[in-house]
PDB file of N, CA and C in Angstrom:
ATOM      1  N   MET A   1       4.529   2.310 -14.063  1.00  0.00           N
ATOM      2  CA  MET A   1       4.321   2.753 -12.533  1.00  0.00           C
ATOM      3  C   MET A   1       3.001   2.231 -12.147  1.00  0.00           C
ATOM      4  N   LEU A   2       2.815   1.550 -11.119  1.00  0.00           N
ATOM      5  CA  LEU A   2       1.406   1.106 -10.771  1.00  0.00           C
ATOM      6  C   LEU A   2       0.868   1.923  -9.511  1.00  0.00           C
ATOM      7  N   PHE A   3      -0.259   2.340  -9.659  1.00  0.00           N
ATOM      8  CA  PHE A   3      -0.712   3.089  -8.458  1.00  0.00           C
ATOM      9  C   PHE A   3      -2.015   2.355  -7.962  1.00  0.00           C
ATOM     10  N   ILE A   4      -1.943   2.123  -6.693  1.00  0.00           N
ATOM     11  CA  ILE A   4      -2.829   1.092  -6.215  1.00  0.00           C
ATOM     12  C   ILE A   4      -3.477   1.784  -5.207  1.00  0.00           C
ATOM     13  N   CYS A   5      -4.971   1.851  -5.044  1.00  0.00           N
ATOM     14  CA  CYS A   5      -5.710   2.562  -4.272  1.00  0.00           C
ATOM     15  C   CYS A   5      -7.420   2.374  -4.008  1.00  0.00           C
ATOM     16  N   TYR A   6      -7.837   2.878  -3.192  1.00  0.00           N
ATOM     17  CA  TYR A   6      -9.162   2.466  -2.808  1.00  0.00           C
ATOM     18  C   TYR A   6      -9.586   3.986  -2.899  1.00  0.00           C
ATOM     19  N   PRO A   7     -10.448   3.857  -4.324  1.00  0.00           N
ATOM     20  CA  PRO A   7     -11.182   5.172  -4.403  1.00  0.00           C
ATOM     21  C   PRO A   7     -11.950   6.105  -3.660  1.00  0.00           C
ATOM     22  N   ARG A   8     -12.538   5.451  -2.643  1.00  0.00           N
ATOM     23  CA  ARG A   8     -13.337   6.393  -1.581  1.00  0.00           C
ATOM     24  C   ARG A   8     -12.317   6.837  -0.485  1.00  0.00           C
ATOM     25  N   CYS A   9     -11.059   6.359  -0.480  1.00  0.00           N
ATOM     26  CA  CYS A   9     -10.178   6.907   0.743  1.00  0.00           C
ATOM     27  C   CYS A   9      -9.685   8.186   0.192  1.00  0.00           C
ATOM     28  N   THR A  10      -9.796   9.171   1.073  1.00  0.00           N
ATOM     29  CA  THR A  10      -9.447  10.886   1.071  1.00  0.00           C
ATOM     30  C   THR A  10      -7.928  10.597   0.623  1.00  0.00           C
ATOM     31  N   THR A  11      -7.043  10.000   1.356  1.00  0.00           N
ATOM     32  CA  THR A  11      -5.705   9.946   1.171  1.00  0.00           C
ATOM     33  C   THR A  11      -5.256   9.618  -0.329  1.00  0.00           C
ATOM     34  N   CYS A  12      -5.965   8.624  -0.768  1.00  0.00           N
ATOM     35  CA  CYS A  12      -6.023   8.074  -2.051  1.00  0.00           C
ATOM     36  C   CYS A  12      -6.357   9.255  -2.992  1.00  0.00           C
ATOM     37  N   GLN A  13      -7.432   9.734  -2.931  1.00  0.00           N
ATOM     38  CA  GLN A  13      -7.854  10.782  -3.643  1.00  0.00           C
ATOM     39  C   GLN A  13      -6.746  11.992  -3.891  1.00  0.00           C
ATOM     40  N   LYS A  14      -6.384  12.314  -2.680  1.00  0.00           N
ATOM     41  CA  LYS A  14      -5.330  13.411  -2.949  1.00  0.00           C
ATOM     42  C   LYS A  14      -3.938  12.916  -3.582  1.00  0.00           C
ATOM     43  N   ALA A  15      -3.699  11.653  -3.224  1.00  0.00           N
ATOM     44  CA  ALA A  15      -2.360  10.818  -4.208  1.00  0.00           C
ATOM     45  C   ALA A  15      -2.799  11.020  -5.563  1.00  0.00           C
ATOM     46  N   ASN A  16      -4.049  10.756  -6.083  1.00  0.00           N
ATOM     47  CA  ASN A  16      -4.406  10.590  -7.303  1.00  0.00           C
ATOM     48  C   ASN A  16      -4.416  11.829  -8.064  1.00  0.00           C
ATOM     49  N   LYS A  17      -5.134  12.998  -7.209  1.00  0.00           N
ATOM     50  CA  LYS A  17      -4.958  14.338  -8.007  1.00  0.00           C
ATOM     51  C   LYS A  17      -3.668  14.699  -8.121  1.00  0.00           C
ATOM     52  N   TRP A  18      -2.678  14.480  -7.011  1.00  0.00           N
ATOM     53  CA  TRP A  18      -1.280  14.941  -6.920  1.00  0.00           C
ATOM     54  C   TRP A  18      -0.391  14.322  -8.134  1.00  0.00           C
ATOM     55  N   LEU A  19      -0.733  12.905  -8.358  1.00  0.00           N
ATOM     56  CA  LEU A  19      -0.290  12.512  -9.604  1.00  0.00           C
ATOM     57  C   LEU A  19      -0.591  12.944 -10.862  1.00  0.00           C
ATOM     58  N   ASP A  20      -1.929  13.316 -11.017  1.00  0.00           N
ATOM     59  CA  ASP A  20      -2.237  13.947 -12.250  1.00  0.00           C
ATOM     60  C   ASP A  20      -1.708  15.346 -12.475  1.00  0.00           C
ATOM     61  N   GLU A  21      -1.610  16.163 -11.378  1.00  0.00           N
ATOM     62  CA  GLU A  21      -1.154  17.507 -11.500  1.00  0.00           C
ATOM     63  C   GLU A  21       0.280  17.498 -11.794  1.00  0.00           C
ATOM     64  N   GLN A  22       1.014  16.362 -11.339  1.00  0.00           N
ATOM     65  CA  GLN A  22       2.379  16.547 -11.732  1.00  0.00           C
ATOM     66  C   GLN A  22       2.527  15.550 -13.095  1.00  0.00           C
ATOM     67  N   GLY A  23       1.445  15.460 -13.646  1.00  0.00           N
ATOM     68  CA  GLY A  23       1.653  14.764 -15.232  1.00  0.00           C
ATOM     69  C   GLY A  23       2.384  13.258 -15.112  1.00  0.00           C
ATOM     70  N   VAL A  24       2.463  12.633 -13.992  1.00  0.00           N
ATOM     71  CA  VAL A  24       2.778  11.283 -13.786  1.00  0.00           C
ATOM     72  C   VAL A  24       1.960  10.461 -14.519  1.00  0.00           C
ATOM     73  N   ASN A  25       2.571   9.395 -15.389  1.00  0.00           N
ATOM     74  CA  ASN A  25       1.927   8.352 -16.162  1.00  0.00           C
ATOM     75  C   ASN A  25       1.601   7.203 -15.131  1.00  0.00           C
ATOM     76  N   TYR A  26       0.621   6.440 -15.000  1.00  0.00           N
ATOM     77  CA  TYR A  26       0.464   5.271 -14.020  1.00  0.00           C
ATOM     78  C   TYR A  26      -0.658   4.668 -14.519  1.00  0.00           C
ATOM     79  N   THR A  27      -0.325   3.202 -14.298  1.00  0.00           N
ATOM     80  CA  THR A  27      -1.456   2.351 -14.218  1.00  0.00           C
ATOM     81  C   THR A  27      -2.300   2.479 -13.033  1.00  0.00           C
ATOM     82  N   TYR A  28      -3.873   2.399 -12.894  1.00  0.00           N
ATOM     83  CA  TYR A  28      -4.623   2.419 -11.864  1.00  0.00           C
ATOM     84  C   TYR A  28      -5.082   1.136 -11.317  1.00  0.00           C
ATOM     85  N   ARG A  29      -5.010   1.079 -10.144  1.00  0.00           N
ATOM     86  CA  ARG A  29      -5.189  -0.469  -9.628  1.00  0.00           C
ATOM     87  C   ARG A  29      -6.446  -0.506  -8.456  1.00  0.00           C
ATOM     88  N   HIS A  30      -7.501  -0.736  -8.300  1.00  0.00           N
ATOM     89  CA  HIS A  30      -8.217  -0.813  -7.192  1.00  0.00           C
ATOM     90  C   HIS A  30      -8.213  -2.193  -6.335  1.00  0.00           C
ATOM     91  N   ILE A  31      -7.689  -1.246  -5.264  1.00  0.00           N
ATOM     92  CA  ILE A  31      -7.051  -2.567  -4.111  1.00  0.00           C
ATOM     93  C   ILE A  31      -8.118  -3.486  -3.499  1.00  0.00           C
ATOM     94  N   ALA A  32      -9.317  -2.998  -3.654  1.00  0.00           N
ATOM     95  CA  ALA A  32     -10.420  -3.697  -2.901  1.00  0.00           C
ATOM     96  C   ALA A  32     -11.092  -5.234  -4.114  1.00  0.00           C
ATOM     97  N   GLU A  33     -10.966  -4.490  -5.441  1.00  0.00           N
ATOM     98  CA  GLU A  33     -11.363  -5.398  -6.403  1.00  0.00           C
ATOM     99  C   GLU A  33     -10.378  -6.352  -6.765  1.00  0.00           C
ATOM    100  N   ASP A  34      -8.941  -5.856  -6.969  1.00  0.00           N
ATOM    101  CA  ASP A  34      -7.653  -6.387  -7.159  1.00  0.00           C
ATOM    102  C   ASP A  34      -6.457  -6.458  -6.221  1.00  0.00           C
ATOM    103  N   ASN A  35      -7.074  -7.248  -5.112  1.00  0.00           N
ATOM    104  CA  ASN A  35      -6.002  -6.820  -4.255  1.00  0.00           C
ATOM    105  C   ASN A  35      -4.618  -7.704  -4.129  1.00  0.00           C
ATOM    106  N   PRO A  36      -3.452  -7.104  -3.604  1.00  0.00           N
ATOM    107  CA  PRO A  36      -2.310  -7.731  -3.861  1.00  0.00           C
ATOM    108  C   PRO A  36      -2.253  -9.154  -3.392  1.00  0.00           C
ATOM    109  N   SER A  37      -1.307  -9.817  -4.382  1.00  0.00           N
ATOM    110  CA  SER A  37      -1.151 -11.156  -4.098  1.00  0.00           C
ATOM    111  C   SER A  37       0.023 -11.334  -3.067  1.00  0.00           C
ATOM    112  N   GLU A  38       0.162 -12.620  -2.377  1.00  0.00           N
ATOM    113  CA  GLU A  38       1.201 -12.795  -1.541  1.00  0.00           C
ATOM    114  C   GLU A  38       2.389 -12.524  -2.016  1.00  0.00           C
ATOM    115  N   ALA A  39       2.493 -12.929  -3.462  1.00  0.00           N
ATOM    116  CA  ALA A  39       3.990 -12.845  -4.228  1.00  0.00           C
ATOM    117  C   ALA A  39       4.401 -11.456  -4.265  1.00  0.00           C
ATOM    118  N   GLU A  40       3.289 -10.638  -4.740  1.00  0.00           N
ATOM    119  CA  GLU A  40       3.493  -9.029  -5.100  1.00  0.00           C
ATOM    120  C   GLU A  40       3.866  -8.516  -3.699  1.00  0.00           C
ATOM    121  N   LEU A  41       3.000  -8.666  -2.568  1.00  0.00           N
ATOM    122  CA  LEU A  41       3.415  -8.118  -1.362  1.00  0.00           C
ATOM    123  C   LEU A  41       4.741  -8.538  -0.796  1.00  0.00           C
ATOM    124  N   ARG A  42       5.207  -9.719  -1.047  1.00  0.00           N
ATOM    125  CA  ARG A  42       6.435 -10.092  -0.633  1.00  0.00           C
ATOM    126  C   ARG A  42       7.662  -9.265  -1.515  1.00  0.00           C
ATOM    127  N   GLU A  43       7.546  -9.289  -2.555  1.00  0.00           N
ATOM    128  CA  GLU A  43       8.759  -8.373  -3.633  1.00  0.00           C
ATOM    129  C   GLU A  43       8.454  -6.946  -3.283  1.00  0.00           C
ATOM    130  N   TRP A  44       7.418  -6.141  -2.915  1.00  0.00           N
ATOM    131  CA  TRP A  44       7.225  -4.725  -2.794  1.00  0.00           C
ATOM    132  C   TRP A  44       7.983  -4.646  -1.187  1.00  0.00           C
ATOM    133  N   HIS A  45       7.249  -5.291  -0.416  1.00  0.00           N
ATOM    134  CA  HIS A  45       8.085  -5.385   1.019  1.00  0.00           C
ATOM    135  C   HIS A  45       9.527  -5.219   0.912  1.00  0.00           C
ATOM    136  N   ALA A  46       9.987  -6.373   0.284  1.00  0.00           N
ATOM    137  CA  ALA A  46      11.669  -6.396   0.037  1.00  0.00           C
ATOM    138  C   ALA A  46      11.948  -5.105  -0.490  1.00  0.00           C
ATOM    139  N   ARG A  47      11.767  -4.383  -1.765  1.00  0.00           N
ATOM    140  CA  ARG A  47      11.972  -3.509  -2.324  1.00  0.00           C
ATOM    141  C   ARG A  47      11.924  -2.265  -1.552  1.00  0.00           C
ATOM    142  N   SER A  48      10.718  -2.267  -0.647  1.00  0.00           N
ATOM    143  CA  SER A  48      10.532  -0.751  -0.013  1.00  0.00           C
ATOM    144  C   SER A  48      11.258  -0.563   0.998  1.00  0.00           C
ATOM    145  N   GLY A  49      12.098  -1.444   1.695  1.00  0.00           N
ATOM    146  CA  GLY A  49      13.058  -1.268   2.748  1.00  0.00           C
ATOM    147  C   GLY A  49      12.191  -0.857   4.229  1.00  0.00           C
ATOM    148  N   LEU A  50      10.744  -1.249   4.211  1.00  0.00           N
ATOM    149  CA  LEU A  50      10.149  -0.841   5.320  1.00  0.00           C
ATOM    150  C   LEU A  50       9.873  -1.871   6.326  1.00  0.00           C
ATOM    151  N   PRO A  51       9.614  -1.881   7.535  1.00  0.00           N
ATOM    152  CA  PRO A  51       9.107  -2.751   8.256  1.00  0.00           C
ATOM    153  C   PRO A  51       7.781  -3.312   7.854  1.00  0.00           C
ATOM    154  N   LEU A  52       7.302  -4.741   7.702  1.00  0.00           N
ATOM    155  CA  LEU A  52       6.218  -5.172   7.099  1.00  0.00           C
ATOM    156  C   LEU A  52       5.083  -4.758   7.834  1.00  0.00           C
ATOM    157  N   LYS A  53       5.166  -4.233   8.880  1.00  0.00           N
ATOM    158  CA  LYS A  53       4.098  -3.543   9.804  1.00  0.00           C
ATOM    159  C   LYS A  53       3.587  -2.332   8.915  1.00  0.00           C
ATOM    160  N   LYS A  54       4.364  -1.673   8.321  1.00  0.00           N
ATOM    161  CA  LYS A  54       4.121  -0.707   7.666  1.00  0.00           C
ATOM    162  C   LYS A  54       2.907  -0.672   6.310  1.00  0.00           C
ATOM    163  N   PHE A  55       2.793  -2.056   5.929  1.00  0.00           N
ATOM    164  CA  PHE A  55       2.037  -2.467   4.762  1.00  0.00           C
ATOM    165  C   PHE A  55       0.678  -2.552   5.347  1.00  0.00           C
ATOM    166  N   PHE A  56       0.512  -2.542   6.712  1.00  0.00           N
ATOM    167  CA  PHE A  56      -0.930  -2.833   7.160  1.00  0.00           C
ATOM    168  C   PHE A  56      -1.723  -1.421   7.300  1.00  0.00           C
ATOM    169  N   ASN A  57      -2.949  -1.568   7.027  1.00  0.00           N
ATOM    170  CA  ASN A  57      -3.647  -0.257   6.984  1.00  0.00           C
ATOM    171  C   ASN A  57      -4.306  -0.332   8.591  1.00  0.00           C
ATOM    172  N   THR A  58      -3.518   0.097   9.488  1.00  0.00           N
ATOM    173  CA  THR A  58      -3.715   0.088  11.031  1.00  0.00           C
ATOM    174  C   THR A  58      -5.016   0.952  11.288  1.00  0.00           C
ATOM    175  N   SER A  59      -5.689   1.963  10.646  1.00  0.00           N
ATOM    176  CA  SER A  59      -6.524   2.586  10.937  1.00  0.00           C
ATOM    177  C   SER A  59      -7.918   2.146  10.369  1.00  0.00           C
ATOM    178  N   GLY A  60      -7.820   0.913   9.485  1.00  0.00           N
ATOM    179  CA  GLY A  60      -9.056   0.645   8.680  1.00  0.00           C
ATOM    180  C   GLY A  60      -9.944  -0.243   9.851  1.00  0.00           C
ATOM    181  N   MET A  61     -11.245  -0.460   9.478  1.00  0.00           N
ATOM    182  CA  MET A  61     -12.088  -1.203  10.155  1.00  0.00           C
ATOM    183  C   MET A  61     -11.993  -2.643  10.360  1.00  0.00           C
ATOM    184  N   LEU A  62     -11.384  -3.191   9.227  1.00  0.00           N
ATOM    185  CA  LEU A  62     -10.968  -4.488   9.212  1.00  0.00           C
ATOM    186  C   LEU A  62      -9.859  -4.905  10.256  1.00  0.00           C
ATOM    187  N   TYR A  63      -8.834  -4.025  10.114  1.00  0.00           N
ATOM    188  CA  TYR A  63      -7.698  -4.131  11.053  1.00  0.00           C
ATOM    189  C   TYR A  63      -8.370  -4.333  12.459  1.00  0.00           C
ATOM    190  N   LYS A  64      -9.106  -3.397  12.891  1.00  0.00           N
ATOM    191  CA  LYS A  64      -9.659  -3.150  14.251  1.00  0.00           C
ATOM    192  C   LYS A  64     -10.338  -4.374  14.676  1.00  0.00           C
ATOM    193  N   GLU A  65     -11.715  -4.824  13.714  1.00  0.00           N
ATOM    194  CA  GLU A  65     -12.365  -5.963  13.628  1.00  0.00           C
ATOM    195  C   GLU A  65     -11.605  -7.166  14.174  1.00  0.00           C
ATOM    196  N   LEU A  66     -10.418  -7.434  13.441  1.00  0.00           N
ATOM    197  CA  LEU A  66      -9.744  -8.640  13.459  1.00  0.00           C
ATOM    198  C   LEU A  66      -8.676  -8.741  14.606  1.00  0.00           C
ATOM    199  N   GLN A  67      -8.888  -7.385  15.420  1.00  0.00           N
ATOM    200  CA  GLN A  67      -8.027  -7.268  16.577  1.00  0.00           C
ATOM    201  C   GLN A  67      -6.247  -7.320  16.314  1.00  0.00           C
ATOM    202  N   LEU A  68      -6.166  -6.915  15.167  1.00  0.00           N
ATOM    203  CA  LEU A  68      -4.554  -7.326  14.556  1.00  0.00           C
ATOM    204  C   LEU A  68      -3.549  -6.426  15.450  1.00  0.00           C
ATOM    205  N   LYS A  69      -3.954  -5.556  16.031  1.00  0.00           N
ATOM    206  CA  LYS A  69      -2.951  -4.740  16.787  1.00  0.00           C
ATOM    207  C   LYS A  69      -2.286  -5.760  18.002  1.00  0.00           C
ATOM    208  N   ASP A  70      -3.150  -6.528  18.494  1.00  0.00           N
ATOM    209  CA  ASP A  70      -2.649  -7.646  19.439  1.00  0.00           C
ATOM    210  C   ASP A  70      -2.056  -8.871  18.871  1.00  0.00           C
ATOM    211  N   LYS A  71      -2.526  -9.421  17.539  1.00  0.00           N
ATOM    212  CA  LYS A  71      -2.030 -10.460  16.924  1.00  0.00           C
ATOM    213  C   LYS A  71      -1.065 -10.169  16.047  1.00  0.00           C
ATOM    214  N   LEU A  72      -0.621  -8.997  15.574  1.00  0.00           N
ATOM    215  CA  LEU A  72       0.494  -9.109  14.690  1.00  0.00           C
ATOM    216  C   LEU A  72       1.891  -9.276  15.307  1.00  0.00           C
ATOM    217  N   PRO A  73       2.268  -8.989  16.624  1.00  0.00           N
ATOM    218  CA  PRO A  73       3.497  -9.084  16.983  1.00  0.00           C
ATOM    219  C   PRO A  73       4.001 -10.573  17.216  1.00  0.00           C
ATOM    220  N   THR A  74       2.798 -11.424  17.364  1.00  0.00           N
ATOM    221  CA  THR A  74       3.366 -12.911  17.531  1.00  0.00           C
ATOM    222  C   THR A  74       3.039 -13.556  16.165  1.00  0.00           C
ATOM    223  N   MET A  75       2.862 -12.836  15.159  1.00  0.00           N
ATOM    224  CA  MET A  75       2.613 -13.657  13.930  1.00  0.00           C
ATOM    225  C   MET A  75       4.094 -13.729  12.969  1.00  0.00           C
ATOM    226  N   SER A  76       4.199 -14.812  12.361  1.00  0.00           N
ATOM    227  CA  SER A  76       5.396 -14.710  11.643  1.00  0.00           C
ATOM    228  C   SER A  76       5.196 -14.046  10.128  1.00  0.00           C
ATOM    229  N   ASP A  77       6.324 -13.595   9.359  1.00  0.00           N
ATOM    230  CA  ASP A  77       6.031 -12.992   8.335  1.00  0.00           C
ATOM    231  C   ASP A  77       5.413 -13.759   7.287  1.00  0.00           C
ATOM    232  N   ASP A  78       5.459 -15.098   7.385  1.00  0.00           N
ATOM    233  CA  ASP A  78       4.620 -15.685   6.331  1.00  0.00           C
ATOM    234  C   ASP A  78       3.142 -15.482   6.407  1.00  0.00           C
ATOM    235  N   GLU A  79       2.873 -15.588   8.029  1.00  0.00           N
ATOM    236  CA  GLU A  79       1.571 -15.388   8.388  1.00  0.00           C
ATOM    237  C   GLU A  79       0.782 -14.124   7.898  1.00  0.00           C
ATOM    238  N   LEU A  80       1.878 -13.051   8.175  1.00  0.00           N
ATOM    239  CA  LEU A  80       1.346 -11.713   7.748  1.00  0.00           C
ATOM    240  C   LEU A  80       1.179 -11.584   6.358  1.00  0.00           C
ATOM    241  N   TYR A  81       2.035 -12.204   5.360  1.00  0.00           N
ATOM    242  CA  TYR A  81       2.019 -12.057   3.866  1.00  0.00           C
ATOM    243  C   TYR A  81       0.499 -12.834   3.518  1.00  0.00           C
ATOM    244  N   LYS A  82       0.505 -13.790   4.113  1.00  0.00           N
ATOM    245  CA  LYS A  82      -0.955 -14.362   3.743  1.00  0.00           C
ATOM    246  C   LYS A  82      -2.063 -13.668   4.151  1.00  0.00           C
ATOM    247  N   LEU A  83      -1.956 -13.250   5.356  1.00  0.00           N
ATOM    248  CA  LEU A  83      -3.201 -12.384   6.073  1.00  0.00           C
ATOM    249  C   LEU A  83      -3.326 -11.032   5.072  1.00  0.00           C
ATOM    250  N   LEU A  84      -2.233 -10.367   4.577  1.00  0.00           N
ATOM    251  CA  LEU A  84      -2.635  -9.244   3.862  1.00  0.00           C
ATOM    252  C   LEU A  84      -3.216  -9.456   2.581  1.00  0.00           C
ATOM    253  N   ALA A  85      -2.830 -10.562   1.817  1.00  0.00           N
ATOM    254  CA  ALA A  85      -3.417 -11.416   0.687  1.00  0.00           C
ATOM    255  C   ALA A  85      -4.504 -11.415   0.687  1.00  0.00           C
ATOM    256  N   THR A  86      -5.271 -11.578   1.563  1.00  0.00           N
ATOM    257  CA  THR A  86      -6.697 -12.145   1.912  1.00  0.00           C
ATOM    258  C   THR A  86      -7.426 -11.070   1.673  1.00  0.00           C
ATOM    259  N   ASN A  87      -7.138  -9.826   1.726  1.00  0.00           N
ATOM    260  CA  ASN A  87      -8.428  -8.634   1.522  1.00  0.00           C
ATOM    261  C   ASN A  87      -7.544  -7.381   1.490  1.00  0.00           C
ATOM    262  N   GLY A  88      -7.623  -7.041   0.364  1.00  0.00           N
ATOM    263  CA  GLY A  88      -6.910  -5.397  -0.135  1.00  0.00           C
ATOM    264  C   GLY A  88      -7.196  -4.138   1.059  1.00  0.00           C
ATOM    265  N   MET A  89      -8.347  -4.549   1.794  1.00  0.00           N
ATOM    266  CA  MET A  89      -8.652  -3.321   2.684  1.00  0.00           C
ATOM    267  C   MET A  89      -7.664  -3.581   4.090  1.00  0.00           C
ATOM    268  N   LEU A  90      -6.967  -4.382   4.160  1.00  0.00           N
ATOM    269  CA  LEU A  90      -5.860  -4.768   5.045  1.00  0.00           C
ATOM    270  C   LEU A  90      -4.878  -4.018   4.931  1.00  0.00           C
ATOM    271  N   VAL A  91      -4.377  -3.625   3.486  1.00  0.00           N
ATOM    272  CA  VAL A  91      -3.260  -2.983   3.046  1.00  0.00           C
ATOM    273  C   VAL A  91      -3.194  -1.521   3.036  1.00  0.00           C
ATOM    274  N   LYS A  92      -2.041  -0.913   3.551  1.00  0.00           N
ATOM    275  CA  LYS A  92      -2.034   0.537   3.762  1.00  0.00           C
ATOM    276  C   LYS A  92      -1.901   0.894   2.121  1.00  0.00           C
ATOM    277  N   ARG A  93      -2.761   2.076   1.966  1.00  0.00           N
ATOM    278  CA  ARG A  93      -2.904   2.724   0.668  1.00  0.00           C
ATOM    279  C   ARG A  93      -2.823   3.999   0.886  1.00  0.00           C
ATOM    280  N   PRO A  94      -2.422   4.941  -0.063  1.00  0.00           N
ATOM    281  CA  PRO A  94      -2.292   4.240  -1.826  1.00  0.00           C
ATOM    282  C   PRO A  94      -0.921   3.604  -1.622  1.00  0.00           C
ATOM    283  N   LEU A  95      -0.363   2.727  -2.845  1.00  0.00           N
ATOM    284  CA  LEU A  95       0.830   2.302  -2.759  1.00  0.00           C
ATOM    285  C   LEU A  95       1.251   2.811  -4.402  1.00  0.00           C
ATOM    286  N   LEU A  96       2.502   3.132  -4.389  1.00  0.00           N
ATOM    287  CA  LEU A  96       2.902   3.408  -5.749  1.00  0.00           C
ATOM    288  C   LEU A  96       4.071   2.688  -5.976  1.00  0.00           C
ATOM    289  N   VAL A  97       4.051   1.949  -7.082  1.00  0.00           N
ATOM    290  CA  VAL A  97       4.970   0.780  -7.154  1.00  0.00           C
ATOM    291  C   VAL A  97       5.824   1.230  -8.623  1.00  0.00           C
ATOM    292  N   SER A  98       7.004   1.385  -8.503  1.00  0.00           N
ATOM    293  CA  SER A  98       7.869   1.641  -9.683  1.00  0.00           C
ATOM    294  C   SER A  98       9.067   0.789 -10.052  1.00  0.00           C
ATOM    295  N   ASP A  99       9.774   0.481 -11.119  1.00  0.00           N
ATOM    296  CA  ASP A  99      11.075  -0.137 -11.052  1.00  0.00           C
ATOM    297  C   ASP A  99      11.991   0.195  -9.791  1.00  0.00           C
ATOM    298  N   ASP A 100      11.961   1.321  -9.674  1.00  0.00           N
ATOM    299  CA  ASP A 100      13.205   1.848  -8.821  1.00  0.00           C
ATOM    300  C   ASP A 100      12.424   1.835  -7.266  1.00  0.00           C
ATOM    301  N   TYR A 101      11.313   1.946  -6.844  1.00  0.00           N
ATOM    302  CA  TYR A 101      10.808   2.023  -5.446  1.00  0.00           C
ATOM    303  C   TYR A 101       9.611   1.835  -5.255  1.00  0.00           C
ATOM    304  N   VAL A 102       9.092   1.670  -4.294  1.00  0.00           N
ATOM    305  CA  VAL A 102       7.742   1.273  -3.524  1.00  0.00           C
ATOM    306  C   VAL A 102       7.397   2.395  -2.402  1.00  0.00           C
ATOM    307  N   LEU A 103       6.296   2.815  -2.596  1.00  0.00           N
ATOM    308  CA  LEU A 103       5.973   3.925  -1.728  1.00  0.00           C
ATOM    309  C   LEU A 103       4.589   3.409  -0.962  1.00  0.00           C
ATOM    310  N   VAL A 104       4.598   3.658   0.214  1.00  0.00           N
ATOM    311  CA  VAL A 104       3.480   2.936   0.947  1.00  0.00           C
ATOM    312  C   VAL A 104       2.736   4.300   1.575  1.00  0.00           C
ATOM    313  N   GLY A 105       1.544   4.731   1.447  1.00  0.00           N
ATOM    314  CA  GLY A 105       0.872   5.741   2.076  1.00  0.00           C
ATOM    315  C   GLY A 105       1.278   6.980   1.200  1.00  0.00           C
ATOM    316  N   PHE A 106       0.822   8.110   1.326  1.00  0.00           N
ATOM    317  CA  PHE A 106       1.039   9.205   0.660  1.00  0.00           C
ATOM    318  C   PHE A 106       1.432  10.439   1.593  1.00  0.00           C
ATOM    319  N   LYS A 107       2.828  10.841   1.034  1.00  0.00           N
ATOM    320  CA  LYS A 107       3.316  12.083   1.558  1.00  0.00           C
ATOM    321  C   LYS A 107       3.926  12.517   0.502  1.00  0.00           C
ATOM    322  N   ALA A 108       3.360  13.846   0.162  1.00  0.00           N
ATOM    323  CA  ALA A 108       3.980  14.447  -1.340  1.00  0.00           C
ATOM    324  C   ALA A 108       5.408  14.626  -1.129  1.00  0.00           C
ATOM    325  N   GLU A 109       6.002  15.124  -0.024  1.00  0.00           N
ATOM    326  CA  GLU A 109       7.252  15.444  -0.142  1.00  0.00           C
ATOM    327  C   GLU A 109       8.225  14.170  -0.732  1.00  0.00           C
ATOM    328  N   GLU A 110       7.810  13.091  -0.081  1.00  0.00           N
ATOM    329  CA  GLU A 110       8.538  11.963  -0.111  1.00  0.00           C
ATOM    330  C   GLU A 110       8.376  11.263  -1.586  1.00  0.00           C
ATOM    331  N   TRP A 111       7.242  11.276  -2.200  1.00  0.00           N
ATOM    332  CA  TRP A 111       6.706  10.896  -3.530  1.00  0.00           C
ATOM    333  C   TRP A 111       7.424  11.760  -4.659  1.00  0.00           C
ATOM    334  N   GLU A 112       7.597  13.282  -4.332  1.00  0.00           N
ATOM    335  CA  GLU A 112       8.317  13.903  -5.178  1.00  0.00           C
ATOM    336  C   GLU A 112       9.722  13.785  -4.943  1.00  0.00           C
ATOM    337  N   LYS A 113      10.191  13.508  -4.164  1.00  0.00           N
ATOM    338  CA  LYS A 113      11.868  13.071  -3.939  1.00  0.00           C
ATOM    339  C   LYS A 113      12.025  11.686  -4.851  1.00  0.00           C
ATOM    340  N   ASN A 114      11.063  10.733  -4.823  1.00  0.00           N
ATOM    341  CA  ASN A 114      11.421   9.772  -5.214  1.00  0.00           C
ATOM    342  C   ASN A 114      10.883   9.578  -7.041  1.00  0.00           C
ATOM    343  N   ILE A 115       9.597  10.328  -7.296  1.00  0.00           N
ATOM    344  CA  ILE A 115       9.374  10.481  -8.544  1.00  0.00           C
ATOM    345  C   ILE A 115      10.166  11.310  -9.430  1.00  0.00           C
ATOM    346  N   LYS A 116      10.505  11.029 -10.749  1.00  0.00           N
ATOM    347  CA  LYS A 116      11.452  11.642 -11.808  1.00  0.00           C
ATOM    348  C   LYS A 116      10.279  12.580 -12.737  1.00  0.00           C
ATOM    349  N   ILE A 117      10.055  13.360 -12.318  1.00  0.00           N
ATOM    350  CA  ILE A 117       9.005  14.126 -12.814  1.00  0.00           C
ATOM    351  C   ILE A 117       9.837  15.090 -14.358  1.00  0.00           C
TER     352      ILE A 117
END
């Protein structure tokens, strides 16, 4: 299982603590130092069943600086994947990736439902 987060993000901190409390084994990955590649994002998106927009960190400063709220609706999926791969801070976090699922953002109930503890 791969846990992708930004250590200073409070939601990521909560998710990290929750995983540790549940005794879940995972590999930790710092999203800003090792941002997801375009290929990873394509695979995770396909497996998640979520709209691609859900992979964007819409509350982040970079998202707002780039005025992506207005730009995303006119961009193709290829453009969106390329954009997400340019900077990990654009990607919604935390991400939890396993062989069976891809979870975007942290909701304890959703994680508990998917993770076999």
